[in-house]
N, C-alpha and C. Protein backbone atom coordinates (compact mmCIF):
# COMPACT_ATOMS: atom_id res chain seq x y z
N ILE A 1 68.52 95.97 -62.12
CA ILE A 1 68.82 96.10 -63.54
C ILE A 1 70.01 95.22 -63.91
N ILE A 2 71.04 95.20 -63.03
CA ILE A 2 72.23 94.40 -63.31
C ILE A 2 71.88 92.91 -63.34
N TYR A 3 71.11 92.45 -62.33
CA TYR A 3 70.72 91.04 -62.30
C TYR A 3 69.85 90.69 -63.51
N SER A 4 69.00 91.61 -63.94
CA SER A 4 68.17 91.36 -65.13
C SER A 4 69.05 91.16 -66.36
N GLY A 5 70.09 92.00 -66.47
CA GLY A 5 71.02 91.86 -67.60
C GLY A 5 71.73 90.52 -67.57
N TYR A 6 72.20 90.09 -66.39
CA TYR A 6 72.88 88.79 -66.28
C TYR A 6 71.91 87.65 -66.58
N SER A 7 70.67 87.77 -66.06
CA SER A 7 69.72 86.67 -66.29
C SER A 7 69.37 86.55 -67.77
N CYS A 8 69.28 87.67 -68.45
CA CYS A 8 69.00 87.62 -69.88
C CYS A 8 70.20 87.07 -70.64
N LYS A 9 71.40 87.43 -70.18
CA LYS A 9 72.62 86.96 -70.83
C LYS A 9 72.73 85.44 -70.75
N GLN A 10 72.27 84.86 -69.63
CA GLN A 10 72.31 83.41 -69.47
C GLN A 10 70.98 82.76 -69.82
N GLY A 11 70.00 83.54 -70.25
CA GLY A 11 68.71 82.96 -70.61
C GLY A 11 67.95 82.44 -69.42
N TRP A 12 68.06 83.11 -68.27
CA TRP A 12 67.48 82.61 -67.02
C TRP A 12 65.96 82.67 -67.05
N PHE A 13 65.38 83.79 -67.47
CA PHE A 13 63.93 83.90 -67.55
C PHE A 13 63.41 83.69 -68.96
N PHE A 14 64.12 84.20 -69.93
CA PHE A 14 63.65 84.13 -71.31
C PHE A 14 64.73 83.46 -72.16
N THR A 15 64.57 82.20 -72.49
CA THR A 15 65.59 81.48 -73.23
C THR A 15 65.91 82.08 -74.59
N PRO A 16 64.99 82.78 -75.28
CA PRO A 16 65.38 83.37 -76.55
C PRO A 16 66.50 84.42 -76.42
N CYS A 17 66.76 84.90 -75.20
CA CYS A 17 67.86 85.86 -75.03
C CYS A 17 69.19 85.22 -75.39
N MET A 18 69.29 83.92 -75.21
CA MET A 18 70.54 83.20 -75.45
C MET A 18 70.61 82.80 -76.91
N ALA A 19 71.66 83.21 -77.59
CA ALA A 19 71.79 82.95 -79.01
C ALA A 19 72.00 81.46 -79.30
N ASP A 20 72.84 80.80 -78.54
CA ASP A 20 73.18 79.40 -78.80
C ASP A 20 72.45 78.49 -77.81
N PRO A 21 71.49 77.68 -78.26
CA PRO A 21 70.74 76.80 -77.34
C PRO A 21 71.66 75.82 -76.60
N GLY A 22 72.80 75.47 -77.16
CA GLY A 22 73.72 74.55 -76.50
C GLY A 22 74.34 75.12 -75.24
N LEU A 23 74.27 76.42 -75.07
CA LEU A 23 74.84 77.06 -73.89
C LEU A 23 73.81 77.29 -72.78
N ARG A 24 72.58 76.91 -73.01
CA ARG A 24 71.52 77.21 -72.04
C ARG A 24 71.57 76.32 -70.81
N GLY A 25 71.99 75.09 -70.91
CA GLY A 25 72.01 74.19 -69.78
C GLY A 25 73.35 74.19 -69.08
N LEU A 26 73.38 73.60 -67.90
CA LEU A 26 74.61 73.52 -67.12
C LEU A 26 75.50 72.37 -67.55
N LYS A 27 74.94 71.37 -68.20
CA LYS A 27 75.70 70.16 -68.50
C LYS A 27 76.94 70.42 -69.36
N ASN A 28 76.94 71.52 -70.10
CA ASN A 28 78.08 71.82 -70.96
C ASN A 28 79.26 72.42 -70.22
N ILE A 29 79.01 73.01 -69.05
CA ILE A 29 80.11 73.65 -68.33
C ILE A 29 80.32 73.13 -66.92
N LEU A 30 79.37 72.39 -66.36
CA LEU A 30 79.46 72.02 -64.95
C LEU A 30 79.38 70.51 -64.75
N ARG A 31 80.29 70.01 -63.92
CA ARG A 31 80.20 68.64 -63.41
C ARG A 31 80.12 68.74 -61.90
N LEU A 32 79.22 67.97 -61.31
CA LEU A 32 79.01 67.99 -59.87
C LEU A 32 79.54 66.68 -59.29
N HIS A 33 80.49 66.81 -58.37
CA HIS A 33 81.04 65.66 -57.65
C HIS A 33 80.67 65.82 -56.19
N VAL A 34 80.34 64.72 -55.52
CA VAL A 34 80.00 64.76 -54.10
C VAL A 34 80.75 63.67 -53.36
N LYS A 35 81.00 63.94 -52.08
CA LYS A 35 81.47 62.91 -51.16
C LYS A 35 80.31 62.62 -50.22
N ARG A 36 79.89 61.39 -50.22
CA ARG A 36 78.81 60.99 -49.32
C ARG A 36 79.35 60.92 -47.91
N GLN A 37 78.47 60.93 -46.94
CA GLN A 37 78.89 60.85 -45.55
C GLN A 37 79.61 59.52 -45.30
N ASN A 38 80.72 59.57 -44.57
CA ASN A 38 81.56 58.40 -44.26
C ASN A 38 82.17 57.76 -45.51
N ASN A 39 82.47 58.58 -46.51
CA ASN A 39 83.11 58.09 -47.72
C ASN A 39 84.12 59.13 -48.17
N SER A 40 85.30 58.69 -48.58
CA SER A 40 86.35 59.64 -48.97
C SER A 40 86.50 59.79 -50.48
N GLU A 41 85.70 59.07 -51.24
CA GLU A 41 85.79 59.11 -52.70
C GLU A 41 84.78 60.10 -53.30
N TRP A 42 85.23 60.83 -54.32
CA TRP A 42 84.33 61.72 -55.05
C TRP A 42 83.47 60.89 -56.00
N GLU A 43 82.21 61.20 -56.03
CA GLU A 43 81.25 60.52 -56.90
C GLU A 43 80.63 61.55 -57.84
N LEU A 44 80.63 61.25 -59.12
CA LEU A 44 80.02 62.15 -60.11
C LEU A 44 78.51 62.00 -60.04
N VAL A 45 77.82 63.12 -59.89
CA VAL A 45 76.35 63.13 -59.82
C VAL A 45 75.83 63.81 -61.08
N PRO A 46 74.97 63.14 -61.83
CA PRO A 46 74.43 63.77 -63.04
C PRO A 46 73.51 64.93 -62.67
N ILE A 47 73.61 65.98 -63.44
CA ILE A 47 72.74 67.14 -63.27
C ILE A 47 71.63 67.01 -64.31
N PRO A 48 70.38 67.04 -63.87
CA PRO A 48 69.28 66.94 -64.84
C PRO A 48 69.41 68.02 -65.92
N SER A 49 69.11 67.66 -67.15
CA SER A 49 69.27 68.59 -68.26
C SER A 49 68.36 69.82 -68.12
N SER A 50 67.29 69.71 -67.37
CA SER A 50 66.36 70.84 -67.21
C SER A 50 66.89 71.89 -66.21
N VAL A 51 67.87 71.53 -65.39
CA VAL A 51 68.37 72.43 -64.35
C VAL A 51 69.32 73.46 -64.94
N ARG A 52 69.07 74.72 -64.61
CA ARG A 52 69.89 75.81 -65.13
C ARG A 52 70.60 76.58 -64.02
N SER A 53 70.29 76.26 -62.75
CA SER A 53 70.92 76.92 -61.62
C SER A 53 71.01 75.92 -60.47
N ILE A 54 72.17 75.88 -59.81
CA ILE A 54 72.40 74.94 -58.71
C ILE A 54 72.54 75.73 -57.41
N VAL A 55 71.95 75.21 -56.34
CA VAL A 55 72.06 75.81 -55.01
C VAL A 55 72.50 74.72 -54.05
N ALA A 56 73.47 75.04 -53.19
CA ALA A 56 73.91 74.13 -52.13
C ALA A 56 73.65 74.84 -50.79
N LEU A 57 72.93 74.18 -49.90
CA LEU A 57 72.58 74.76 -48.60
C LEU A 57 73.05 73.87 -47.47
N ASN A 58 73.44 74.51 -46.36
CA ASN A 58 73.68 73.76 -45.13
C ASN A 58 72.70 74.18 -44.05
N LEU A 59 71.75 75.02 -44.41
CA LEU A 59 70.70 75.48 -43.51
C LEU A 59 69.34 75.20 -44.15
N HIS A 60 68.29 75.37 -43.38
CA HIS A 60 66.95 75.19 -43.94
C HIS A 60 66.51 76.40 -44.75
N SER A 61 67.08 77.55 -44.46
CA SER A 61 66.55 78.75 -45.09
C SER A 61 67.41 79.24 -46.24
N TYR A 62 66.73 79.87 -47.17
CA TYR A 62 67.35 80.42 -48.37
C TYR A 62 66.47 81.57 -48.83
N ALA A 63 67.07 82.63 -49.32
CA ALA A 63 66.32 83.76 -49.87
C ALA A 63 65.27 84.28 -48.89
N SER A 64 65.72 84.84 -47.81
CA SER A 64 64.85 85.46 -46.80
C SER A 64 63.95 84.46 -46.09
N GLY A 65 64.50 83.30 -45.76
CA GLY A 65 63.77 82.35 -44.93
C GLY A 65 63.00 81.27 -45.64
N ARG A 66 63.11 81.16 -46.94
CA ARG A 66 62.40 80.10 -47.66
C ARG A 66 63.10 78.77 -47.43
N ASN A 67 62.35 77.68 -47.54
CA ASN A 67 62.91 76.33 -47.40
C ASN A 67 62.68 75.58 -48.71
N PRO A 68 63.53 75.80 -49.72
CA PRO A 68 63.30 75.17 -51.02
C PRO A 68 63.51 73.66 -51.02
N TRP A 69 64.30 73.12 -50.07
CA TRP A 69 64.47 71.67 -49.98
C TRP A 69 63.16 71.03 -49.55
N GLY A 70 62.44 71.69 -48.64
CA GLY A 70 61.12 71.27 -48.23
C GLY A 70 61.09 70.05 -47.32
N LYS A 71 59.91 69.66 -46.96
CA LYS A 71 59.66 68.46 -46.17
C LYS A 71 59.35 67.33 -47.15
N LEU A 72 60.29 66.42 -47.30
CA LEU A 72 60.11 65.35 -48.28
C LEU A 72 59.37 64.17 -47.66
N LYS A 73 58.62 63.47 -48.48
CA LYS A 73 57.89 62.29 -48.03
C LYS A 73 58.88 61.15 -47.81
N PRO A 74 58.64 60.32 -46.80
CA PRO A 74 59.57 59.23 -46.47
C PRO A 74 59.85 58.28 -47.64
N ASP A 75 58.84 57.94 -48.43
CA ASP A 75 59.08 57.02 -49.55
C ASP A 75 59.96 57.66 -50.63
N TYR A 76 59.79 58.95 -50.86
CA TYR A 76 60.64 59.67 -51.82
C TYR A 76 62.08 59.72 -51.31
N MET A 77 62.27 60.02 -50.01
CA MET A 77 63.61 60.08 -49.45
C MET A 77 64.31 58.72 -49.55
N GLN A 78 63.59 57.67 -49.26
CA GLN A 78 64.17 56.33 -49.33
C GLN A 78 64.56 55.98 -50.77
N LYS A 79 63.70 56.29 -51.71
CA LYS A 79 63.96 56.01 -53.12
C LYS A 79 65.20 56.75 -53.61
N LYS A 80 65.36 58.02 -53.21
CA LYS A 80 66.48 58.85 -53.65
C LYS A 80 67.73 58.71 -52.78
N GLY A 81 67.61 58.06 -51.64
CA GLY A 81 68.74 57.92 -50.74
C GLY A 81 69.00 59.16 -49.90
N PHE A 82 67.97 59.97 -49.68
CA PHE A 82 68.09 61.18 -48.87
C PHE A 82 67.69 60.89 -47.43
N VAL A 83 68.15 61.74 -46.53
CA VAL A 83 67.71 61.72 -45.14
C VAL A 83 67.08 63.07 -44.85
N GLU A 84 66.33 63.16 -43.76
CA GLU A 84 65.72 64.44 -43.42
C GLU A 84 66.80 65.48 -43.19
N ALA A 85 66.60 66.65 -43.73
CA ALA A 85 67.60 67.72 -43.65
C ALA A 85 67.55 68.41 -42.29
N HIS A 86 68.72 68.55 -41.68
CA HIS A 86 68.89 69.28 -40.42
C HIS A 86 70.11 70.18 -40.57
N ALA A 87 70.08 71.32 -39.91
CA ALA A 87 71.18 72.28 -40.01
C ALA A 87 72.47 71.75 -39.39
N ASP A 88 72.38 70.81 -38.47
CA ASP A 88 73.57 70.32 -37.77
C ASP A 88 73.95 68.88 -38.13
N ASP A 89 73.47 68.37 -39.26
CA ASP A 89 73.74 66.97 -39.62
C ASP A 89 75.03 66.77 -40.41
N GLY A 90 75.72 67.86 -40.76
CA GLY A 90 76.96 67.75 -41.51
C GLY A 90 76.76 67.51 -43.00
N LEU A 91 75.52 67.59 -43.45
CA LEU A 91 75.23 67.36 -44.87
C LEU A 91 74.83 68.66 -45.56
N LEU A 92 75.17 68.74 -46.82
CA LEU A 92 74.77 69.84 -47.67
C LEU A 92 73.67 69.33 -48.60
N GLU A 93 72.63 70.11 -48.74
CA GLU A 93 71.56 69.76 -49.67
C GLU A 93 71.83 70.50 -50.98
N VAL A 94 71.77 69.77 -52.09
CA VAL A 94 72.01 70.34 -53.41
C VAL A 94 70.72 70.20 -54.21
N PHE A 95 70.24 71.32 -54.72
CA PHE A 95 69.03 71.30 -55.53
C PHE A 95 69.20 72.27 -56.68
N GLY A 96 68.28 72.19 -57.62
CA GLY A 96 68.38 73.04 -58.80
C GLY A 96 67.09 73.72 -59.15
N PHE A 97 67.25 74.80 -59.90
CA PHE A 97 66.11 75.51 -60.47
C PHE A 97 66.16 75.33 -61.97
N LYS A 98 65.01 75.15 -62.58
CA LYS A 98 64.94 74.93 -64.02
C LYS A 98 65.06 76.23 -64.81
N HIS A 99 64.54 77.30 -64.25
CA HIS A 99 64.60 78.63 -64.87
C HIS A 99 64.10 79.62 -63.84
N GLY A 100 64.09 80.87 -64.19
CA GLY A 100 63.69 81.91 -63.26
C GLY A 100 62.27 81.77 -62.74
N TRP A 101 61.36 81.35 -63.63
CA TRP A 101 59.98 81.20 -63.19
C TRP A 101 59.86 80.04 -62.19
N HIS A 102 60.59 78.97 -62.42
CA HIS A 102 60.59 77.84 -61.48
C HIS A 102 61.08 78.31 -60.12
N ALA A 103 62.17 79.07 -60.10
CA ALA A 103 62.71 79.60 -58.84
C ALA A 103 61.68 80.48 -58.14
N SER A 104 60.98 81.29 -58.90
CA SER A 104 59.96 82.18 -58.32
C SER A 104 58.85 81.37 -57.65
N PHE A 105 58.38 80.31 -58.31
CA PHE A 105 57.31 79.49 -57.74
C PHE A 105 57.80 78.70 -56.53
N VAL A 106 59.07 78.28 -56.53
CA VAL A 106 59.64 77.59 -55.37
C VAL A 106 59.71 78.55 -54.18
N MET A 107 60.10 79.79 -54.43
CA MET A 107 60.24 80.77 -53.36
C MET A 107 58.91 81.12 -52.69
N VAL A 108 57.82 81.04 -53.43
CA VAL A 108 56.50 81.28 -52.82
C VAL A 108 55.86 79.96 -52.38
N GLU A 109 56.65 78.89 -52.42
CA GLU A 109 56.28 77.56 -51.92
C GLU A 109 55.07 76.96 -52.60
N LEU A 110 54.93 77.24 -53.91
CA LEU A 110 53.88 76.60 -54.70
C LEU A 110 54.35 75.25 -55.23
N ILE A 111 55.64 75.13 -55.50
CA ILE A 111 56.24 73.89 -55.97
C ILE A 111 57.59 73.73 -55.27
N SER A 112 58.24 72.60 -55.48
CA SER A 112 59.54 72.38 -54.85
C SER A 112 60.66 72.44 -55.89
N ALA A 113 61.86 72.62 -55.38
CA ALA A 113 63.04 72.64 -56.24
C ALA A 113 63.34 71.24 -56.72
N LYS A 114 64.23 71.11 -57.69
CA LYS A 114 64.65 69.81 -58.22
C LYS A 114 65.75 69.27 -57.30
N HIS A 115 65.46 68.22 -56.54
CA HIS A 115 66.42 67.65 -55.59
C HIS A 115 67.49 66.88 -56.35
N ILE A 116 68.76 67.18 -56.05
CA ILE A 116 69.86 66.54 -56.77
C ILE A 116 70.68 65.63 -55.88
N ALA A 117 71.11 66.11 -54.70
CA ALA A 117 71.97 65.28 -53.85
C ALA A 117 72.01 65.82 -52.43
N GLN A 118 72.45 64.96 -51.53
CA GLN A 118 72.85 65.33 -50.17
C GLN A 118 74.25 64.78 -50.01
N ALA A 119 75.16 65.58 -49.46
CA ALA A 119 76.54 65.14 -49.39
C ALA A 119 77.28 65.82 -48.25
N ALA A 120 78.38 65.21 -47.84
CA ALA A 120 79.25 65.80 -46.82
C ALA A 120 80.17 66.84 -47.45
N ALA A 121 80.49 66.71 -48.72
CA ALA A 121 81.33 67.67 -49.44
C ALA A 121 80.89 67.72 -50.89
N ILE A 122 81.10 68.89 -51.51
CA ILE A 122 80.69 69.10 -52.89
C ILE A 122 81.86 69.69 -53.66
N ARG A 123 82.02 69.23 -54.89
CA ARG A 123 83.03 69.80 -55.79
C ARG A 123 82.33 70.16 -57.10
N PHE A 124 82.40 71.44 -57.43
CA PHE A 124 81.91 71.91 -58.72
C PHE A 124 83.11 71.98 -59.66
N GLU A 125 83.02 71.30 -60.78
CA GLU A 125 84.06 71.37 -61.81
C GLU A 125 83.50 72.20 -62.96
N LEU A 126 84.06 73.38 -63.14
CA LEU A 126 83.59 74.29 -64.18
C LEU A 126 84.53 74.21 -65.37
N ARG A 127 83.98 73.93 -66.53
CA ARG A 127 84.76 73.82 -67.75
C ARG A 127 84.41 74.96 -68.68
N GLY A 128 85.40 75.54 -69.31
CA GLY A 128 85.21 76.71 -70.17
C GLY A 128 84.51 76.39 -71.48
N GLY A 129 85.25 76.45 -72.55
CA GLY A 129 84.64 76.27 -73.87
C GLY A 129 84.06 77.59 -74.35
N ALA A 130 82.79 77.57 -74.76
CA ALA A 130 82.15 78.79 -75.25
C ALA A 130 81.89 79.79 -74.13
N TRP A 131 81.76 79.30 -72.89
CA TRP A 131 81.57 80.20 -71.75
C TRP A 131 82.91 80.77 -71.32
N LYS A 132 82.96 82.05 -71.09
CA LYS A 132 84.19 82.72 -70.62
C LYS A 132 84.15 82.98 -69.12
N LYS A 133 82.95 82.95 -68.53
CA LYS A 133 82.81 83.16 -67.09
C LYS A 133 81.55 82.47 -66.59
N ALA A 134 81.56 82.13 -65.31
CA ALA A 134 80.39 81.55 -64.65
C ALA A 134 79.92 82.53 -63.59
N TYR A 135 78.64 82.72 -63.49
CA TYR A 135 78.08 83.63 -62.49
C TYR A 135 77.79 82.82 -61.24
N MET A 136 78.42 83.19 -60.13
CA MET A 136 78.30 82.44 -58.89
C MET A 136 77.93 83.39 -57.76
N GLN A 137 77.50 82.79 -56.64
CA GLN A 137 77.13 83.58 -55.48
C GLN A 137 77.37 82.76 -54.23
N MET A 138 77.94 83.38 -53.19
CA MET A 138 78.14 82.70 -51.92
C MET A 138 77.76 83.66 -50.80
N ASP A 139 76.88 83.23 -49.92
CA ASP A 139 76.40 84.05 -48.81
C ASP A 139 75.91 85.42 -49.28
N GLY A 140 75.24 85.46 -50.40
CA GLY A 140 74.67 86.69 -50.91
C GLY A 140 75.62 87.58 -51.69
N GLU A 141 76.88 87.18 -51.80
CA GLU A 141 77.87 87.99 -52.53
C GLU A 141 78.13 87.37 -53.90
N PRO A 142 77.77 88.06 -54.97
CA PRO A 142 77.98 87.51 -56.32
C PRO A 142 79.39 87.75 -56.84
N TRP A 143 79.84 86.88 -57.72
CA TRP A 143 81.10 87.10 -58.43
C TRP A 143 81.04 86.38 -59.77
N LYS A 144 81.89 86.84 -60.68
CA LYS A 144 82.03 86.20 -61.99
C LYS A 144 83.31 85.38 -61.94
N GLN A 145 83.17 84.06 -62.03
CA GLN A 145 84.32 83.16 -62.00
C GLN A 145 84.86 83.01 -63.42
N PRO A 146 86.10 83.47 -63.67
CA PRO A 146 86.66 83.30 -65.02
C PRO A 146 86.84 81.82 -65.35
N LEU A 147 86.58 81.47 -66.59
CA LEU A 147 86.73 80.09 -67.05
C LEU A 147 87.74 80.05 -68.19
N LYS A 148 88.49 78.98 -68.24
CA LYS A 148 89.47 78.76 -69.32
C LYS A 148 89.07 77.53 -70.10
N ASN A 149 89.31 77.55 -71.38
CA ASN A 149 89.00 76.43 -72.24
C ASN A 149 89.97 75.27 -72.02
N GLU A 150 91.21 75.59 -71.63
CA GLU A 150 92.27 74.58 -71.53
C GLU A 150 92.20 73.71 -70.29
N TYR A 151 91.58 74.21 -69.22
CA TYR A 151 91.55 73.44 -67.98
C TYR A 151 90.28 73.76 -67.19
N SER A 152 90.01 72.92 -66.20
CA SER A 152 88.82 73.09 -65.37
C SER A 152 89.14 73.94 -64.14
N THR A 153 88.14 74.62 -63.64
CA THR A 153 88.22 75.35 -62.38
C THR A 153 87.39 74.57 -61.37
N PHE A 154 87.96 74.33 -60.19
CA PHE A 154 87.27 73.56 -59.15
C PHE A 154 86.87 74.47 -58.00
N VAL A 155 85.64 74.32 -57.53
CA VAL A 155 85.15 75.00 -56.34
C VAL A 155 84.70 73.91 -55.39
N ASP A 156 85.41 73.77 -54.26
CA ASP A 156 85.09 72.75 -53.26
C ASP A 156 84.37 73.39 -52.08
N ILE A 157 83.34 72.72 -51.61
CA ILE A 157 82.62 73.13 -50.41
C ILE A 157 82.63 71.93 -49.48
N GLU A 158 83.27 72.10 -48.32
CA GLU A 158 83.30 71.00 -47.36
C GLU A 158 83.40 71.54 -45.96
N ARG A 159 83.04 70.71 -45.03
CA ARG A 159 83.08 71.06 -43.61
C ARG A 159 84.52 70.95 -43.13
N VAL A 160 84.94 71.94 -42.36
CA VAL A 160 86.29 71.90 -41.81
C VAL A 160 86.24 71.34 -40.38
N PRO A 161 87.32 70.68 -39.93
CA PRO A 161 87.28 70.00 -38.64
C PRO A 161 87.49 70.90 -37.42
N PHE A 162 87.49 72.20 -37.60
CA PHE A 162 87.68 73.08 -36.45
C PHE A 162 86.61 74.17 -36.45
N ARG A 163 86.40 74.76 -35.29
CA ARG A 163 85.38 75.79 -35.15
C ARG A 163 85.94 77.14 -35.56
N SER A 164 85.06 77.98 -35.98
CA SER A 164 85.42 79.33 -36.37
C SER A 164 85.85 80.15 -35.16
N VAL A 165 86.90 80.95 -35.32
CA VAL A 165 87.33 81.82 -34.24
C VAL A 165 86.26 82.88 -33.95
N MET A 166 85.59 83.34 -35.00
CA MET A 166 84.55 84.36 -34.81
C MET A 166 83.38 83.80 -34.01
N ILE A 167 83.00 82.57 -34.28
CA ILE A 167 81.89 81.96 -33.55
C ILE A 167 82.31 81.66 -32.12
N ASN A 168 83.57 81.27 -31.96
CA ASN A 168 84.09 80.90 -30.66
C ASN A 168 84.29 82.12 -29.76
N GLY A 169 84.32 83.31 -30.34
CA GLY A 169 84.49 84.52 -29.56
C GLY A 169 85.94 84.80 -29.21
N GLY A 170 86.87 84.08 -29.82
CA GLY A 170 88.30 84.21 -29.52
C GLY A 170 88.91 85.23 -30.29
């Protein structure tokens, strides 16, 4: 029930739930910056106007074992500058969902997600304005990220150069 309320509030399944059409897309509040492998500069990556939800993965599985990145054809990968996704390649796959129905069809593997980027590091720049909060989720735990009109909020995802103590057993 709670997720249904949030999805309606953001127009995830039914866009008429959202009063202002200008708030329906991500382009008004989100900028996506990536660092490509072996590059230290942030690069701005355009988010397709149809995308309403962004997912960044470092594994093949998502949502109970689904692979929304999928097996891409070699000519498509070459055209987009992608490489085959592996869990240990140091790259994050970034893709988007157009709406709730698109996500549903991707999860049952009838269609694929909208491929956006592959990168060694990702920076989400969230800008306020009419939005007062952004709905986010990491490792299955949701949170509402407060947004301010006066400045941007940055969420960086990058690989750290040391191993986890928990994984190491120390």
